[in-house]
C-alpha atoms as a PDB file:
ATOM      1  CA  UNK A   1       0.000   0.000   0.000  1.00  0.00           C
ATOM      2  CA  UNK A   2       1.340   3.454  -0.920  1.00  0.00           C
ATOM      3  CA  UNK A   3       0.388   6.602   0.917  1.00  0.00           C
ATOM      4  CA  UNK A   4       0.491   9.892  -0.964  1.00  0.00           C
ATOM      5  CA  UNK A   5      -1.242  13.253  -0.901  1.00  0.00           C
ATOM      6  CA  UNK A   6      -2.093  14.634   2.524  1.00  0.00           C
ATOM      7  CA  UNK A   7      -1.048  11.319   4.136  1.00  0.00           C
ATOM      8  CA  UNK A   8       2.437  11.398   2.617  1.00  0.00           C
ATOM      9  CA  UNK A   9       5.526  11.927   4.712  1.00  0.00           C
ATOM     10  CA  UNK A  10       6.681  15.357   5.862  1.00  0.00           C
ATOM     11  CA  UNK A  11       8.761  15.809   2.710  1.00  0.00           C
ATOM     12  CA  UNK A  12       5.787  15.004   0.450  1.00  0.00           C
ATOM     13  CA  UNK A  13       7.225  11.684  -0.722  1.00  0.00           C
ATOM     14  CA  UNK A  14       4.928   8.734  -1.149  1.00  0.00           C
ATOM     15  CA  UNK A  15       5.339   6.029   1.469  1.00  0.00           C
ATOM     16  CA  UNK A  16       4.672   2.302   1.259  1.00  0.00           C
ATOM     17  CA  UNK A  17       3.394   0.771   4.450  1.00  0.00           C
ATOM     18  CA  UNK A  18       3.571  -2.987   4.772  1.00  0.00           C
ATOM     19  CA  UNK A  19       2.128  -4.968   7.641  1.00  0.00           C
ATOM     20  CA  UNK A  20       4.161  -8.047   8.568  1.00  0.00           C
ATOM     21  CA  UNK A  21       1.873 -10.697  10.020  1.00  0.00           C
ATOM     22  CA  UNK A  22       4.621 -12.998  11.284  1.00  0.00           C
ATOM     23  CA  UNK A  23       6.836 -10.249  12.687  1.00  0.00           C
ATOM     24  CA  UNK A  24       9.761 -11.205  10.435  1.00  0.00           C
ATOM     25  CA  UNK A  25      11.535  -8.715   8.192  1.00  0.00           C
ATOM     26  CA  UNK A  26      12.270  -9.407   4.554  1.00  0.00           C
ATOM     27  CA  UNK A  27      15.931  -9.349   3.577  1.00  0.00           C
ATOM     28  CA  UNK A  28      15.561  -6.195   1.458  1.00  0.00           C
ATOM     29  CA  UNK A  29      13.790  -4.389   4.314  1.00  0.00           C
ATOM     30  CA  UNK A  30      16.550  -5.286   6.778  1.00  0.00           C
ATOM     31  CA  UNK A  31      19.400  -4.421   4.405  1.00  0.00           C
ATOM     32  CA  UNK A  32      18.040  -0.945   3.585  1.00  0.00           C
ATOM     33  CA  UNK A  33      16.575  -0.125   6.998  1.00  0.00           C
ATOM     34  CA  UNK A  34      17.347   3.381   8.229  1.00  0.00           C
ATOM     35  CA  UNK A  35      16.124   2.756  11.756  1.00  0.00           C
ATOM     36  CA  UNK A  36      13.177   1.719  13.887  1.00  0.00           C
ATOM     37  CA  UNK A  37      10.252   3.495  15.504  1.00  0.00           C
ATOM     38  CA  UNK A  38       8.971   0.998  18.042  1.00  0.00           C
ATOM     39  CA  UNK A  39       7.841  -2.053  16.066  1.00  0.00           C
ATOM     40  CA  UNK A  40       8.008  -0.167  12.735  1.00  0.00           C
ATOM     41  CA  UNK A  41      11.057  -0.389  10.477  1.00  0.00           C
ATOM     42  CA  UNK A  42      11.833   2.713   8.399  1.00  0.00           C
ATOM     43  CA  UNK A  43      13.321   1.674   5.032  1.00  0.00           C
ATOM     44  CA  UNK A  44      15.085   3.703   2.309  1.00  0.00           C
ATOM     45  CA  UNK A  45      12.899   2.861  -0.695  1.00  0.00           C
ATOM     46  CA  UNK A  46      14.981   4.717  -3.278  1.00  0.00           C
ATOM     47  CA  UNK A  47      18.174   2.881  -2.365  1.00  0.00           C
ATOM     48  CA  UNK A  48      16.259  -0.395  -2.045  1.00  0.00           C
ATOM     49  CA  UNK A  49      14.920  -0.058  -5.613  1.00  0.00           C
ATOM     50  CA  UNK A  50      18.339   0.926  -6.958  1.00  0.00           C
ATOM     51  CA  UNK A  51      20.498  -1.675  -5.184  1.00  0.00           C
ATOM     52  CA  UNK A  52      18.061  -4.298  -3.905  1.00  0.00           C
ATOM     53  CA  UNK A  53      19.320  -7.050  -6.202  1.00  0.00           C
ATOM     54  CA  UNK A  54      22.965  -6.712  -5.114  1.00  0.00           C
ATOM     55  CA  UNK A  55      24.696  -9.108  -2.758  1.00  0.00           C
ATOM     56  CA  UNK A  56      26.956  -8.210   0.141  1.00  0.00           C
ATOM     57  CA  UNK A  57      30.114  -8.134  -1.963  1.00  0.00           C
ATOM     58  CA  UNK A  58      28.585  -5.904  -4.641  1.00  0.00           C
ATOM     59  CA  UNK A  59      27.195  -3.528  -2.015  1.00  0.00           C
ATOM     60  CA  UNK A  60      30.638  -3.287  -0.397  1.00  0.00           C
ATOM     61  CA  UNK A  61      32.222  -2.607  -3.792  1.00  0.00           C
ATOM     62  CA  UNK A  62      29.748   0.253  -4.221  1.00  0.00           C
ATOM     63  CA  UNK A  63      30.796   1.682  -0.847  1.00  0.00           C
ATOM     64  CA  UNK A  64      27.505   0.785   0.860  1.00  0.00           C
ATOM     65  CA  UNK A  65      29.205  -0.854   3.834  1.00  0.00           C
ATOM     66  CA  UNK A  66      26.286  -0.792   6.295  1.00  0.00           C
ATOM     67  CA  UNK A  67      23.971  -2.354   3.720  1.00  0.00           C
ATOM     68  CA  UNK A  68      26.632  -4.906   2.752  1.00  0.00           C
ATOM     69  CA  UNK A  69      27.136  -5.851   6.385  1.00  0.00           C
ATOM     70  CA  UNK A  70      23.368  -6.228   6.889  1.00  0.00           C
ATOM     71  CA  UNK A  71      23.082  -8.407   3.769  1.00  0.00           C
ATOM     72  CA  UNK A  72      25.856 -10.713   4.975  1.00  0.00           C
ATOM     73  CA  UNK A  73      24.376 -10.768   8.488  1.00  0.00           C
ATOM     74  CA  UNK A  74      20.894 -11.652   7.179  1.00  0.00           C
ATOM     75  CA  UNK A  75      22.349 -14.411   4.980  1.00  0.00           C
ATOM     76  CA  UNK A  76      24.523 -15.752   7.866  1.00  0.00           C
ATOM     77  CA  UNK A  77      27.509 -15.361   5.537  1.00  0.00           C
ATOM     78  CA  UNK A  78      30.660 -15.224   7.698  1.00  0.00           C
ATOM     79  CA  UNK A  79      32.944 -14.995   4.653  1.00  0.00           C
ATOM     80  CA  UNK A  80      30.844 -12.126   3.306  1.00  0.00           C
ATOM     81  CA  UNK A  81      31.100 -10.266   6.622  1.00  0.00           C
ATOM     82  CA  UNK A  82      34.879 -10.704   6.604  1.00  0.00           C
ATOM     83  CA  UNK A  83      35.053  -9.421   3.024  1.00  0.00           C
ATOM     84  CA  UNK A  84      32.987  -6.356   3.938  1.00  0.00           C
ATOM     85  CA  UNK A  85      35.451  -5.691   6.767  1.00  0.00           C
ATOM     86  CA  UNK A  86      38.413  -6.033   4.399  1.00  0.00           C
ATOM     87  CA  UNK A  87      36.850  -3.688   1.825  1.00  0.00           C
ATOM     88  CA  UNK A  88      35.938  -1.193   4.554  1.00  0.00           C
ATOM     89  CA  UNK A  89      39.474  -1.194   5.959  1.00  0.00           C
ATOM     90  CA  UNK A  90      40.931  -0.772   2.451  1.00  0.00           C
ATOM     91  CA  UNK A  91      38.895   2.415   1.875  1.00  0.00           C
ATOM     92  CA  UNK A  92      39.060   4.145   5.253  1.00  0.00           C
ATOM     93  CA  UNK A  93      41.719   6.009   7.141  1.00  0.00           C
ATOM     94  CA  UNK A  94      40.355   4.548  10.420  1.00  0.00           C
ATOM     95  CA  UNK A  95      40.397   0.755  10.040  1.00  0.00           C
ATOM     96  CA  UNK A  96      38.595  -1.456  12.550  1.00  0.00           C
ATOM     97  CA  UNK A  97      39.973  -4.675  14.004  1.00  0.00           C
ATOM     98  CA  UNK A  98      37.005  -7.045  13.767  1.00  0.00           C
ATOM     99  CA  UNK A  99      33.627  -7.659  12.189  1.00  0.00           C
ATOM    100  CA  UNK A 100      32.017  -7.183  15.613  1.00  0.00           C
ATOM    101  CA  UNK A 101      33.609  -3.730  15.889  1.00  0.00           C
ATOM    102  CA  UNK A 102      32.302  -2.826  12.417  1.00  0.00           C
ATOM    103  CA  UNK A 103      28.814  -4.013  13.448  1.00  0.00           C
ATOM    104  CA  UNK A 104      28.970  -1.764  16.530  1.00  0.00           C
ATOM    105  CA  UNK A 105      30.128   1.123  14.350  1.00  0.00           C
ATOM    106  CA  UNK A 106      27.072   0.761  12.092  1.00  0.00           C
ATOM    107  CA  UNK A 107      24.652  -0.371  14.808  1.00  0.00           C
ATOM    108  CA  UNK A 108      23.853  -3.699  13.183  1.00  0.00           C
ATOM    109  CA  UNK A 109      23.717  -6.176  16.036  1.00  0.00           C
ATOM    110  CA  UNK A 110      21.266  -8.599  14.466  1.00  0.00           C
ATOM    111  CA  UNK A 111      17.901  -9.064  12.857  1.00  0.00           C
ATOM    112  CA  UNK A 112      15.272  -7.554  15.158  1.00  0.00           C
ATOM    113  CA  UNK A 113      12.328  -9.588  16.373  1.00  0.00           C
ATOM    114  CA  UNK A 114       8.788  -8.262  16.492  1.00  0.00           C
ATOM    115  CA  UNK A 115       8.799  -5.846  13.561  1.00  0.00           C
ATOM    116  CA  UNK A 116       5.124  -5.528  12.706  1.00  0.00           C
ATOM    117  CA  UNK A 117       5.224  -2.742  10.138  1.00  0.00           C
ATOM    118  CA  UNK A 118       7.622  -1.538   7.487  1.00  0.00           C
ATOM    119  CA  UNK A 119       7.494   2.085   6.338  1.00  0.00           C
ATOM    120  CA  UNK A 120       9.289   2.574   3.004  1.00  0.00           C
ATOM    121  CA  UNK A 121      10.087   6.208   2.420  1.00  0.00           C
END
């Protein structure tokens, strides 16, 4: 369902609201999530449409390290997480020592439970 007109977001952009019956997030929603408002996930729809078909390695190559880390985390891909760390350290002047440190840096500790709604903006 898309919301537009007077019910659109504060910037006038249309929003898609999805109700998740089982409380589980889709991979694309988790990868491109901007944050949470209670049990509602706020998702970057523009970036999701543009890069939603990319895997963790391709996202890291594009410089989308948070999204790449989330993709590898969702897929339980340890090798992918390590590759994201290596690509991050190769491009930054402040390298991090471990995948766990990179997850803390981006605030990606795991897939949240109990997400009932997804707001795509």
